[in-house]
Amino acid sequence: MIEEFKTKAESFTKSISEYLDTYYKLTLVKVTQKLTNLVSAILAGVTSLVVLFLVLFFIGIGVSWWLGDVLNSRPAGFFIVGGFFVLLIVIIFALSKKIVFPILKKIILKKLYE
């Protein structure tokens, strides 16, 4: 009877050990998958932002050039467009704590818990 109990206890201990090992590996796979999804989303976002900045840069140069021709003063065109971009940056920084950061947090948390 004691030998049978000992055998069952060893079997139970082995089963629990295998379960914990499997649970650990599964958790590791899930964490790796979530981190991979998050990093890929961040890289896609950064790439999109770089492309957006390049597009805005060239549009800004084009509008500055055109506005300079309209005003017969290229420096004035560049200063006007530069002032517009400075104003845009100030607005974005002013609203960043109320609008931009919560949106970014929501996106990151959504990617983590997918």
PDB file of N, CA and C in Angstrom:
ATOM      1  N   MET A   1       0.812  -1.182   0.000  1.00  0.00           N
ATOM      2  CA  MET A   1       0.000   0.000   0.000  1.00  0.00           C
ATOM      3  C   MET A   1       0.862   1.254   0.000  1.00  0.00           C
ATOM      4  N   ILE A   2       1.904   1.237   0.829  1.00  0.00           N
ATOM      5  CA  ILE A   2       2.785   2.393   0.889  1.00  0.00           C
ATOM      6  C   ILE A   2       3.537   2.547  -0.426  1.00  0.00           C
ATOM      7  N   GLU A   3       3.936   1.436  -1.013  1.00  0.00           N
ATOM      8  CA  GLU A   3       4.633   1.501  -2.309  1.00  0.00           C
ATOM      9  C   GLU A   3       3.709   2.056  -3.394  1.00  0.00           C
ATOM     10  N   GLU A   4       2.463   1.653  -3.346  1.00  0.00           N
ATOM     11  CA  GLU A   4       1.492   2.157  -4.336  1.00  0.00           C
ATOM     12  C   GLU A   4       1.287   3.662  -4.148  1.00  0.00           C
ATOM     13  N   PHE A   5       1.184   4.094  -2.893  1.00  0.00           N
ATOM     14  CA  PHE A   5       1.034   5.514  -2.595  1.00  0.00           C
ATOM     15  C   PHE A   5       2.269   6.297  -3.041  1.00  0.00           C
ATOM     16  N   LYS A   6       3.443   5.722  -2.785  1.00  0.00           N
ATOM     17  CA  LYS A   6       4.702   6.360  -3.174  1.00  0.00           C
ATOM     18  C   LYS A   6       4.777   6.489  -4.691  1.00  0.00           C
ATOM     19  N   THR A   7       4.377   5.475  -5.417  1.00  0.00           N
ATOM     20  CA  THR A   7       4.389   5.499  -6.879  1.00  0.00           C
ATOM     21  C   THR A   7       3.420   6.565  -7.396  1.00  0.00           C
ATOM     22  N   LYS A   8       2.230   6.622  -6.805  1.00  0.00           N
ATOM     23  CA  LYS A   8       1.253   7.626  -7.227  1.00  0.00           C
ATOM     24  C   LYS A   8       1.740   9.044  -6.896  1.00  0.00           C
ATOM     25  N   ALA A   9       2.381   9.217  -5.772  1.00  0.00           N
ATOM     26  CA  ALA A   9       2.904  10.529  -5.384  1.00  0.00           C
ATOM     27  C   ALA A   9       4.009  10.966  -6.342  1.00  0.00           C
ATOM     28  N   GLU A  10       4.891  10.028  -6.698  1.00  0.00           N
ATOM     29  CA  GLU A  10       5.952  10.352  -7.651  1.00  0.00           C
ATOM     30  C   GLU A  10       5.358  10.699  -9.017  1.00  0.00           C
ATOM     31  N   SER A  11       4.344   9.942  -9.427  1.00  0.00           N
ATOM     32  CA  SER A  11       3.671  10.211 -10.697  1.00  0.00           C
ATOM     33  C   SER A  11       2.991  11.579 -10.661  1.00  0.00           C
ATOM     34  N   PHE A  12       2.343  11.875  -9.524  1.00  0.00           N
ATOM     35  CA  PHE A  12       1.681  13.169  -9.360  1.00  0.00           C
ATOM     36  C   PHE A  12       2.698  14.305  -9.395  1.00  0.00           C
ATOM     37  N   THR A  13       3.819  14.137  -8.697  1.00  0.00           N
ATOM     38  CA  THR A  13       4.872  15.149  -8.680  1.00  0.00           C
ATOM     39  C   THR A  13       5.439  15.364 -10.076  1.00  0.00           C
ATOM     40  N   LYS A  14       5.648  14.273 -10.797  1.00  0.00           N
ATOM     41  CA  LYS A  14       6.171  14.366 -12.167  1.00  0.00           C
ATOM     42  C   LYS A  14       5.169  15.085 -13.059  1.00  0.00           C
ATOM     43  N   SER A  15       3.894  14.786 -12.902  1.00  0.00           N
ATOM     44  CA  SER A  15       2.855  15.435 -13.705  1.00  0.00           C
ATOM     45  C   SER A  15       2.805  16.939 -13.422  1.00  0.00           C
ATOM     46  N   ILE A  16       2.891  17.309 -12.155  1.00  0.00           N
ATOM     47  CA  ILE A  16       2.881  18.727 -11.803  1.00  0.00           C
ATOM     48  C   ILE A  16       4.115  19.422 -12.364  1.00  0.00           C
ATOM     49  N   SER A  17       5.247  18.771 -12.283  1.00  0.00           N
ATOM     50  CA  SER A  17       6.486  19.337 -12.809  1.00  0.00           C
ATOM     51  C   SER A  17       6.376  19.554 -14.326  1.00  0.00           C
ATOM     52  N   GLU A  18       5.835  18.578 -15.027  1.00  0.00           N
ATOM     53  CA  GLU A  18       5.646  18.711 -16.474  1.00  0.00           C
ATOM     54  C   GLU A  18       4.641  19.811 -16.802  1.00  0.00           C
ATOM     55  N   TYR A  19       3.572  19.893 -16.009  1.00  0.00           N
ATOM     56  CA  TYR A  19       2.565  20.942 -16.211  1.00  0.00           C
ATOM     57  C   TYR A  19       3.186  22.325 -16.039  1.00  0.00           C
ATOM     58  N   LEU A  20       3.950  22.500 -14.954  1.00  0.00           N
ATOM     59  CA  LEU A  20       4.575  23.800 -14.703  1.00  0.00           C
ATOM     60  C   LEU A  20       5.573  24.152 -15.804  1.00  0.00           C
ATOM     61  N   ASP A  21       6.330  23.160 -16.269  1.00  0.00           N
ATOM     62  CA  ASP A  21       7.283  23.395 -17.344  1.00  0.00           C
ATOM     63  C   ASP A  21       6.558  23.806 -18.624  1.00  0.00           C
ATOM     64  N   THR A  22       5.473  23.120 -18.935  1.00  0.00           N
ATOM     65  CA  THR A  22       4.688  23.438 -20.125  1.00  0.00           C
ATOM     66  C   THR A  22       4.048  24.819 -19.996  1.00  0.00           C
ATOM     67  N   TYR A  23       3.532  25.135 -18.815  1.00  0.00           N
ATOM     68  CA  TYR A  23       2.920  26.442 -18.574  1.00  0.00           C
ATOM     69  C   TYR A  23       3.954  27.554 -18.732  1.00  0.00           C
ATOM     70  N   TYR A  24       5.160  27.337 -18.217  1.00  0.00           N
ATOM     71  CA  TYR A  24       6.242  28.313 -18.346  1.00  0.00           C
ATOM     72  C   TYR A  24       6.585  28.530 -19.824  1.00  0.00           C
ATOM     73  N   LYS A  25       6.723  27.449 -20.577  1.00  0.00           N
ATOM     74  CA  LYS A  25       7.056  27.574 -21.999  1.00  0.00           C
ATOM     75  C   LYS A  25       5.940  28.271 -22.776  1.00  0.00           C
ATOM     76  N   LEU A  26       4.694  27.959 -22.456  1.00  0.00           N
ATOM     77  CA  LEU A  26       3.558  28.597 -23.117  1.00  0.00           C
ATOM     78  C   LEU A  26       3.519  30.092 -22.809  1.00  0.00           C
ATOM     79  N   THR A  27       3.764  30.439 -21.558  1.00  0.00           N
ATOM     80  CA  THR A  27       3.796  31.853 -21.177  1.00  0.00           C
ATOM     81  C   THR A  27       4.924  32.576 -21.891  1.00  0.00           C
ATOM     82  N   LEU A  28       6.068  31.945 -21.997  1.00  0.00           N
ATOM     83  CA  LEU A  28       7.199  32.524 -22.706  1.00  0.00           C
ATOM     84  C   LEU A  28       6.865  32.752 -24.179  1.00  0.00           C
ATOM     85  N   VAL A  29       6.185  31.808 -24.804  1.00  0.00           N
ATOM     86  CA  VAL A  29       5.782  31.956 -26.206  1.00  0.00           C
ATOM     87  C   VAL A  29       4.784  33.106 -26.365  1.00  0.00           C
ATOM     88  N   LYS A  30       3.820  33.195 -25.436  1.00  0.00           N
ATOM     89  CA  LYS A  30       2.836  34.274 -25.501  1.00  0.00           C
ATOM     90  C   LYS A  30       3.492  35.646 -25.340  1.00  0.00           C
ATOM     91  N   VAL A  31       4.409  35.764 -24.376  1.00  0.00           N
ATOM     92  CA  VAL A  31       5.103  37.028 -24.149  1.00  0.00           C
ATOM     93  C   VAL A  31       5.939  37.396 -25.371  1.00  0.00           C
ATOM     94  N   THR A  32       6.625  36.412 -25.925  1.00  0.00           N
ATOM     95  CA  THR A  32       7.431  36.659 -27.119  1.00  0.00           C
ATOM     96  C   THR A  32       6.550  37.119 -28.274  1.00  0.00           C
ATOM     97  N   GLN A  33       5.414  36.485 -28.448  1.00  0.00           N
ATOM     98  CA  GLN A  33       4.500  36.867 -29.523  1.00  0.00           C
ATOM     99  C   GLN A  33       3.986  38.290 -29.325  1.00  0.00           C
ATOM    100  N   LYS A  34       3.608  38.639 -28.111  1.00  0.00           N
ATOM    101  CA  LYS A  34       3.095  39.986 -27.851  1.00  0.00           C
ATOM    102  C   LYS A  34       4.180  41.037 -28.049  1.00  0.00           C
ATOM    103  N   LEU A  35       5.385  40.742 -27.588  1.00  0.00           N
ATOM    104  CA  LEU A  35       6.481  41.689 -27.787  1.00  0.00           C
ATOM    105  C   LEU A  35       6.825  41.839 -29.263  1.00  0.00           C
ATOM    106  N   THR A  36       6.777  40.751 -30.001  1.00  0.00           N
ATOM    107  CA  THR A  36       7.035  40.816 -31.434  1.00  0.00           C
ATOM    108  C   THR A  36       5.974  41.661 -32.126  1.00  0.00           C
ATOM    109  N   ASN A  37       4.717  41.466 -31.759  1.00  0.00           N
ATOM    110  CA  ASN A  37       3.643  42.279 -32.336  1.00  0.00           C
ATOM    111  C   ASN A  37       3.829  43.750 -31.996  1.00  0.00           C
ATOM    112  N   LEU A  38       4.197  44.043 -30.752  1.00  0.00           N
ATOM    113  CA  LEU A  38       4.393  45.424 -30.329  1.00  0.00           C
ATOM    114  C   LEU A  38       5.560  46.064 -31.069  1.00  0.00           C
ATOM    115  N   VAL A  39       6.687  45.358 -31.165  1.00  0.00           N
ATOM    116  CA  VAL A  39       7.852  45.904 -31.849  1.00  0.00           C
ATOM    117  C   VAL A  39       7.560  46.120 -33.327  1.00  0.00           C
ATOM    118  N   SER A  40       6.865  45.187 -33.952  1.00  0.00           N
ATOM    119  CA  SER A  40       6.543  45.363 -35.371  1.00  0.00           C
ATOM    120  C   SER A  40       5.586  46.536 -35.567  1.00  0.00           C
ATOM    121  N   ALA A  41       4.652  46.733 -34.642  1.00  0.00           N
ATOM    122  CA  ALA A  41       3.748  47.879 -34.739  1.00  0.00           C
ATOM    123  C   ALA A  41       4.507  49.185 -34.546  1.00  0.00           C
ATOM    124  N   ILE A  42       5.453  49.193 -33.614  1.00  0.00           N
ATOM    125  CA  ILE A  42       6.263  50.393 -33.393  1.00  0.00           C
ATOM    126  C   ILE A  42       7.106  50.694 -34.625  1.00  0.00           C
ATOM    127  N   LEU A  43       7.729  49.673 -35.205  1.00  0.00           N
ATOM    128  CA  LEU A  43       8.532  49.892 -36.407  1.00  0.00           C
ATOM    129  C   LEU A  43       7.675  50.385 -37.568  1.00  0.00           C
ATOM    130  N   ALA A  44       6.490  49.825 -37.715  1.00  0.00           N
ATOM    131  CA  ALA A  44       5.588  50.290 -38.777  1.00  0.00           C
ATOM    132  C   ALA A  44       5.184  51.742 -38.530  1.00  0.00           C
ATOM    133  N   GLY A  45       4.923  52.092 -37.279  1.00  0.00           N
ATOM    134  CA  GLY A  45       4.568  53.469 -36.942  1.00  0.00           C
ATOM    135  C   GLY A  45       5.705  54.435 -37.196  1.00  0.00           C
ATOM    136  N   VAL A  46       6.913  54.037 -36.802  1.00  0.00           N
ATOM    137  CA  VAL A  46       8.077  54.900 -37.024  1.00  0.00           C
ATOM    138  C   VAL A  46       8.326  55.077 -38.522  1.00  0.00           C
ATOM    139  N   THR A  47       8.220  54.003 -39.277  1.00  0.00           N
ATOM    140  CA  THR A  47       8.399  54.095 -40.731  1.00  0.00           C
ATOM    141  C   THR A  47       7.351  55.014 -41.340  1.00  0.00           C
ATOM    142  N   SER A  48       6.116  54.881 -40.903  1.00  0.00           N
ATOM    143  CA  SER A  48       5.052  55.755 -41.411  1.00  0.00           C
ATOM    144  C   SER A  48       5.323  57.213 -41.057  1.00  0.00           C
ATOM    145  N   LEU A  49       5.805  57.459 -39.837  1.00  0.00           N
ATOM    146  CA  LEU A  49       6.117  58.826 -39.432  1.00  0.00           C
ATOM    147  C   LEU A  49       7.261  59.418 -40.248  1.00  0.00           C
ATOM    148  N   VAL A  50       8.276  58.612 -40.539  1.00  0.00           N
ATOM    149  CA  VAL A  50       9.393  59.096 -41.354  1.00  0.00           C
ATOM    150  C   VAL A  50       8.901  59.465 -42.747  1.00  0.00           C
ATOM    151  N   VAL A  51       8.072  58.609 -43.327  1.00  0.00           N
ATOM    152  CA  VAL A  51       7.524  58.903 -44.661  1.00  0.00           C
ATOM    153  C   VAL A  51       6.645  60.148 -44.598  1.00  0.00           C
ATOM    154  N   LEU A  52       5.831  60.270 -43.553  1.00  0.00           N
ATOM    155  CA  LEU A  52       4.983  61.452 -43.394  1.00  0.00           C
ATOM    156  C   LEU A  52       5.818  62.722 -43.283  1.00  0.00           C
ATOM    157  N   PHE A  53       6.898  62.675 -42.507  1.00  0.00           N
ATOM    158  CA  PHE A  53       7.761  63.845 -42.367  1.00  0.00           C
ATOM    159  C   PHE A  53       8.438  64.211 -43.693  1.00  0.00           C
ATOM    160  N   LEU A  54       8.848  63.194 -44.450  1.00  0.00           N
ATOM    161  CA  LEU A  54       9.444  63.477 -45.762  1.00  0.00           C
ATOM    162  C   LEU A  54       8.428  64.122 -46.699  1.00  0.00           C
ATOM    163  N   VAL A  55       7.210  63.611 -46.693  1.00  0.00           N
ATOM    164  CA  VAL A  55       6.159  64.182 -47.532  1.00  0.00           C
ATOM    165  C   VAL A  55       5.884  65.623 -47.110  1.00  0.00           C
ATOM    166  N   LEU A  56       5.740  65.852 -45.812  1.00  0.00           N
ATOM    167  CA  LEU A  56       5.511  67.214 -45.319  1.00  0.00           C
ATOM    168  C   LEU A  56       6.682  68.137 -45.648  1.00  0.00           C
ATOM    169  N   PHE A  57       7.884  67.614 -45.584  1.00  0.00           N
ATOM    170  CA  PHE A  57       9.074  68.400 -45.905  1.00  0.00           C
ATOM    171  C   PHE A  57       9.036  68.878 -47.351  1.00  0.00           C
ATOM    172  N   PHE A  58       8.765  67.954 -48.266  1.00  0.00           N
ATOM    173  CA  PHE A  58       8.753  68.334 -49.678  1.00  0.00           C
ATOM    174  C   PHE A  58       7.542  69.197 -50.030  1.00  0.00           C
ATOM    175  N   ILE A  59       6.414  68.927 -49.400  1.00  0.00           N
ATOM    176  CA  ILE A  59       5.245  69.790 -49.615  1.00  0.00           C
ATOM    177  C   ILE A  59       5.541  71.192 -49.076  1.00  0.00           C
ATOM    178  N   GLY A  60       6.190  71.257 -47.919  1.00  0.00           N
ATOM    179  CA  GLY A  60       6.558  72.542 -47.339  1.00  0.00           C
ATOM    180  C   GLY A  60       7.493  73.332 -48.251  1.00  0.00           C
ATOM    181  N   ILE A  61       8.463  72.644 -48.819  1.00  0.00           N
ATOM    182  CA  ILE A  61       9.373  73.320 -49.757  1.00  0.00           C
ATOM    183  C   ILE A  61       8.613  73.807 -50.986  1.00  0.00           C
ATOM    184  N   GLY A  62       7.735  72.954 -51.508  1.00  0.00           N
ATOM    185  CA  GLY A  62       6.957  73.347 -52.686  1.00  0.00           C
ATOM    186  C   GLY A  62       6.043  74.531 -52.410  1.00  0.00           C
ATOM    187  N   VAL A  63       5.342  74.493 -51.296  1.00  0.00           N
ATOM    188  CA  VAL A  63       4.441  75.597 -50.941  1.00  0.00           C
ATOM    189  C   VAL A  63       5.251  76.866 -50.664  1.00  0.00           C
ATOM    190  N   SER A  64       6.386  76.724 -49.997  1.00  0.00           N
ATOM    191  CA  SER A  64       7.239  77.886 -49.728  1.00  0.00           C
ATOM    192  C   SER A  64       7.707  78.525 -51.034  1.00  0.00           C
ATOM    193  N   TRP A  65       8.139  77.696 -51.951  1.00  0.00           N
ATOM    194  CA  TRP A  65       8.615  78.186 -53.249  1.00  0.00           C
ATOM    195  C   TRP A  65       7.482  78.900 -53.990  1.00  0.00           C
ATOM    196  N   TRP A  66       6.308  78.235 -54.018  1.00  0.00           N
ATOM    197  CA  TRP A  66       5.151  78.820 -54.715  1.00  0.00           C
ATOM    198  C   TRP A  66       4.716  80.129 -54.054  1.00  0.00           C
ATOM    199  N   LEU A  67       4.626  80.126 -52.728  1.00  0.00           N
ATOM    200  CA  LEU A  67       4.226  81.328 -51.998  1.00  0.00           C
ATOM    201  C   LEU A  67       5.243  82.452 -52.198  1.00  0.00           C
ATOM    202  N   GLY A  68       6.521  82.077 -52.251  1.00  0.00           N
ATOM    203  CA  GLY A  68       7.562  83.057 -52.521  1.00  0.00           C
ATOM    204  C   GLY A  68       7.410  83.688 -53.893  1.00  0.00           C
ATOM    205  N   ASP A  69       7.032  82.875 -54.886  1.00  0.00           N
ATOM    206  CA  ASP A  69       6.795  83.416 -56.233  1.00  0.00           C
ATOM    207  C   ASP A  69       5.574  84.331 -56.245  1.00  0.00           C
ATOM    208  N   VAL A  70       4.529  83.939 -55.515  1.00  0.00           N
ATOM    209  CA  VAL A  70       3.315  84.759 -55.453  1.00  0.00           C
ATOM    210  C   VAL A  70       3.609  86.100 -54.777  1.00  0.00           C
ATOM    211  N   LEU A  71       4.400  86.077 -53.722  1.00  0.00           N
ATOM    212  CA  LEU A  71       4.718  87.291 -52.967  1.00  0.00           C
ATOM    213  C   LEU A  71       5.928  88.041 -53.538  1.00  0.00           C
ATOM    214  N   ASN A  72       6.556  87.488 -54.578  1.00  0.00           N
ATOM    215  CA  ASN A  72       7.770  88.044 -55.174  1.00  0.00           C
ATOM    216  C   ASN A  72       8.912  88.126 -54.159  1.00  0.00           C
ATOM    217  N   SER A  73       8.911  87.209 -53.193  1.00  0.00           N
ATOM    218  CA  SER A  73       9.976  87.151 -52.193  1.00  0.00           C
ATOM    219  C   SER A  73      10.049  85.718 -51.663  1.00  0.00           C
ATOM    220  N   ARG A  74      11.015  84.965 -52.175  1.00  0.00           N
ATOM    221  CA  ARG A  74      11.132  83.574 -51.723  1.00  0.00           C
ATOM    222  C   ARG A  74      11.385  83.462 -50.227  1.00  0.00           C
ATOM    223  N   PRO A  75      12.248  84.304 -49.653  1.00  0.00           N
ATOM    224  CA  PRO A  75      12.429  84.184 -48.186  1.00  0.00           C
ATOM    225  C   PRO A  75      11.123  84.370 -47.422  1.00  0.00           C
ATOM    226  N   ALA A  76      10.271  85.265 -47.858  1.00  0.00           N
ATOM    227  CA  ALA A  76       8.985  85.467 -47.179  1.00  0.00           C
ATOM    228  C   ALA A  76       8.146  84.202 -47.243  1.00  0.00           C
ATOM    229  N   GLY A  77       8.127  83.545 -48.398  1.00  0.00           N
ATOM    230  CA  GLY A  77       7.385  82.291 -48.531  1.00  0.00           C
ATOM    231  C   GLY A  77       7.892  81.227 -47.580  1.00  0.00           C
ATOM    232  N   PHE A  78       9.223  81.116 -47.463  1.00  0.00           N
ATOM    233  CA  PHE A  78       9.801  80.125 -46.561  1.00  0.00           C
ATOM    234  C   PHE A  78       9.528  80.481 -45.096  1.00  0.00           C
ATOM    235  N   PHE A  79       9.590  81.777 -44.764  1.00  0.00           N
ATOM    236  CA  PHE A  79       9.298  82.178 -43.377  1.00  0.00           C
ATOM    237  C   PHE A  79       7.830  81.932 -43.017  1.00  0.00           C
ATOM    238  N   ILE A  80       6.926  82.174 -43.942  1.00  0.00           N
ATOM    239  CA  ILE A  80       5.504  81.942 -43.664  1.00  0.00           C
ATOM    240  C   ILE A  80       5.236  80.456 -43.425  1.00  0.00           C
ATOM    241  N   VAL A  81       5.760  79.614 -44.304  1.00  0.00           N
ATOM    242  CA  VAL A  81       5.545  78.167 -44.144  1.00  0.00           C
ATOM    243  C   VAL A  81       6.261  77.665 -42.885  1.00  0.00           C
ATOM    244  N   GLY A  82       7.465  78.193 -42.619  1.00  0.00           N
ATOM    245  CA  GLY A  82       8.172  77.818 -41.388  1.00  0.00           C
ATOM    246  C   GLY A  82       7.385  78.210 -40.150  1.00  0.00           C
ATOM    247  N   GLY A  83       6.788  79.398 -40.175  1.00  0.00           N
ATOM    248  CA  GLY A  83       5.952  79.840 -39.057  1.00  0.00           C
ATOM    249  C   GLY A  83       4.741  78.948 -38.872  1.00  0.00           C
ATOM    250  N   PHE A  84       4.156  78.499 -39.993  1.00  0.00           N
ATOM    251  CA  PHE A  84       3.023  77.579 -39.913  1.00  0.00           C
ATOM    252  C   PHE A  84       3.432  76.278 -39.229  1.00  0.00           C
ATOM    253  N   PHE A  85       4.616  75.748 -39.612  1.00  0.00           N
ATOM    254  CA  PHE A  85       5.075  74.498 -38.998  1.00  0.00           C
ATOM    255  C   PHE A  85       5.407  74.693 -37.519  1.00  0.00           C
ATOM    256  N   VAL A  86       5.970  75.833 -37.148  1.00  0.00           N
ATOM    257  CA  VAL A  86       6.248  76.111 -35.735  1.00  0.00           C
ATOM    258  C   VAL A  86       4.935  76.170 -34.954  1.00  0.00           C
ATOM    259  N   LEU A  87       3.932  76.852 -35.516  1.00  0.00           N
ATOM    260  CA  LEU A  87       2.619  76.918 -34.872  1.00  0.00           C
ATOM    261  C   LEU A  87       2.014  75.525 -34.719  1.00  0.00           C
ATOM    262  N   LEU A  88       2.146  74.700 -35.749  1.00  0.00           N
ATOM    263  CA  LEU A  88       1.643  73.332 -35.701  1.00  0.00           C
ATOM    264  C   LEU A  88       2.336  72.527 -34.602  1.00  0.00           C
ATOM    265  N   ILE A  89       3.655  72.684 -34.463  1.00  0.00           N
ATOM    266  CA  ILE A  89       4.402  71.978 -33.420  1.00  0.00           C
ATOM    267  C   ILE A  89       3.967  72.436 -32.031  1.00  0.00           C
ATOM    268  N   VAL A  90       3.764  73.733 -31.859  1.00  0.00           N
ATOM    269  CA  VAL A  90       3.316  74.252 -30.564  1.00  0.00           C
ATOM    270  C   VAL A  90       1.947  73.683 -30.205  1.00  0.00           C
ATOM    271  N   ILE A  91       1.038  73.625 -31.178  1.00  0.00           N
ATOM    272  CA  ILE A  91      -0.293  73.060 -30.929  1.00  0.00           C
ATOM    273  C   ILE A  91      -0.198  71.582 -30.556  1.00  0.00           C
ATOM    274  N   ILE A  92       0.643  70.834 -31.276  1.00  0.00           N
ATOM    275  CA  ILE A  92       0.795  69.400 -30.982  1.00  0.00           C
ATOM    276  C   ILE A  92       1.367  69.197 -29.585  1.00  0.00           C
ATOM    277  N   PHE A  93       2.389  69.977 -29.207  1.00  0.00           N
ATOM    278  CA  PHE A  93       2.951  69.851 -27.860  1.00  0.00           C
ATOM    279  C   PHE A  93       1.944  70.257 -26.790  1.00  0.00           C
ATOM    280  N   ALA A  94       1.139  71.267 -27.067  1.00  0.00           N
ATOM    281  CA  ALA A  94       0.140  71.705 -26.089  1.00  0.00           C
ATOM    282  C   ALA A  94      -0.926  70.638 -25.872  1.00  0.00           C
ATOM    283  N   LEU A  95      -1.274  69.922 -26.920  1.00  0.00           N
ATOM    284  CA  LEU A  95      -2.323  68.912 -26.819  1.00  0.00           C
ATOM    285  C   LEU A  95      -1.788  67.509 -26.553  1.00  0.00           C
ATOM    286  N   SER A  96      -0.464  67.367 -26.472  1.00  0.00           N
ATOM    287  CA  SER A  96       0.112  66.027 -26.375  1.00  0.00           C
ATOM    288  C   SER A  96      -0.315  65.284 -25.119  1.00  0.00           C
ATOM    289  N   LYS A  97      -0.395  65.952 -23.973  1.00  0.00           N
ATOM    290  CA  LYS A  97      -0.764  65.254 -22.739  1.00  0.00           C
ATOM    291  C   LYS A  97      -2.232  64.866 -22.718  1.00  0.00           C
ATOM    292  N   LYS A  98      -3.078  65.656 -23.366  1.00  0.00           N
ATOM    293  CA  LYS A  98      -4.513  65.378 -23.325  1.00  0.00           C
ATOM    294  C   LYS A  98      -4.982  64.486 -24.469  1.00  0.00           C
ATOM    295  N   ILE A  99      -4.320  64.568 -25.616  1.00  0.00           N
ATOM    296  CA  ILE A  99      -4.814  63.847 -26.790  1.00  0.00           C
ATOM    297  C   ILE A  99      -3.810  62.816 -27.303  1.00  0.00           C
ATOM    298  N   VAL A 100      -2.575  63.229 -27.557  1.00  0.00           N
ATOM    299  CA  VAL A 100      -1.603  62.360 -28.223  1.00  0.00           C
ATOM    300  C   VAL A 100      -1.195  61.192 -27.332  1.00  0.00           C
ATOM    301  N   PHE A 101      -0.802  61.452 -26.078  1.00  0.00           N
ATOM    302  CA  PHE A 101      -0.351  60.378 -25.195  1.00  0.00           C
ATOM    303  C   PHE A 101      -1.445  59.351 -24.897  1.00  0.00           C
ATOM    304  N   PRO A 102      -2.683  59.760 -24.598  1.00  0.00           N
ATOM    305  CA  PRO A 102      -3.723  58.735 -24.391  1.00  0.00           C
ATOM    306  C   PRO A 102      -3.966  57.865 -25.631  1.00  0.00           C
ATOM    307  N   ILE A 103      -3.897  58.467 -26.809  1.00  0.00           N
ATOM    308  CA  ILE A 103      -4.084  57.686 -28.034  1.00  0.00           C
ATOM    309  C   ILE A 103      -2.947  56.683 -28.187  1.00  0.00           C
ATOM    310  N   LEU A 104      -1.708  57.135 -27.954  1.00  0.00           N
ATOM    311  CA  LEU A 104      -0.566  56.222 -28.055  1.00  0.00           C
ATOM    312  C   LEU A 104      -0.648  55.110 -27.018  1.00  0.00           C
ATOM    313  N   LYS A 105      -1.041  55.446 -25.789  1.00  0.00           N
ATOM    314  CA  LYS A 105      -1.194  54.419 -24.753  1.00  0.00           C
ATOM    315  C   LYS A 105      -2.230  53.378 -25.154  1.00  0.00           C
ATOM    316  N   LYS A 106      -3.351  53.861 -25.698  1.00  0.00           N
ATOM    317  CA  LYS A 106      -4.413  52.954 -26.111  1.00  0.00           C
ATOM    318  C   LYS A 106      -3.939  52.015 -27.217  1.00  0.00           C
ATOM    319  N   ILE A 107      -3.187  52.550 -28.177  1.00  0.00           N
ATOM    320  CA  ILE A 107      -2.682  51.732 -29.280  1.00  0.00           C
ATOM    321  C   ILE A 107      -1.701  50.688 -28.770  1.00  0.00           C
ATOM    322  N   ILE A 108      -0.789  51.105 -27.890  1.00  0.00           N
ATOM    323  CA  ILE A 108       0.218  50.177 -27.366  1.00  0.00           C
ATOM    324  C   ILE A 108      -0.443  49.090 -26.521  1.00  0.00           C
ATOM    325  N   LEU A 109      -1.370  49.473 -25.653  1.00  0.00           N
ATOM    326  CA  LEU A 109      -2.054  48.464 -24.830  1.00  0.00           C
ATOM    327  C   LEU A 109      -2.881  47.509 -25.680  1.00  0.00           C
ATOM    328  N   LYS A 110      -3.496  48.025 -26.731  1.00  0.00           N
ATOM    329  CA  LYS A 110      -4.274  47.168 -27.622  1.00  0.00           C
ATOM    330  C   LYS A 110      -3.361  46.138 -28.282  1.00  0.00           C
ATOM    331  N   LYS A 111      -2.176  46.562 -28.719  1.00  0.00           N
ATOM    332  CA  LYS A 111      -1.231  45.643 -29.351  1.00  0.00           C
ATOM    333  C   LYS A 111      -0.718  44.612 -28.344  1.00  0.00           C
ATOM    334  N   LEU A 112      -0.517  45.032 -27.097  1.00  0.00           N
ATOM    335  CA  LEU A 112      -0.016  44.099 -26.085  1.00  0.00           C
ATOM    336  C   LEU A 112      -1.047  43.035 -25.727  1.00  0.00           C
ATOM    337  N   TYR A 113      -2.333  43.423 -25.696  1.00  0.00           N
ATOM    338  CA  TYR A 113      -3.365  42.486 -25.249  1.00  0.00           C
ATOM    339  C   TYR A 113      -4.107  41.816 -26.377  1.00  0.00           C
ATOM    340  N   GLU A 114      -3.606  41.932 -27.608  1.00  0.00           N
ATOM    341  CA  GLU A 114      -4.262  41.231 -28.733  1.00  0.00           C
ATOM    342  C   GLU A 114      -4.027  39.747 -28.620  1.00  0.00           C
TER     343      GLU A 114
END
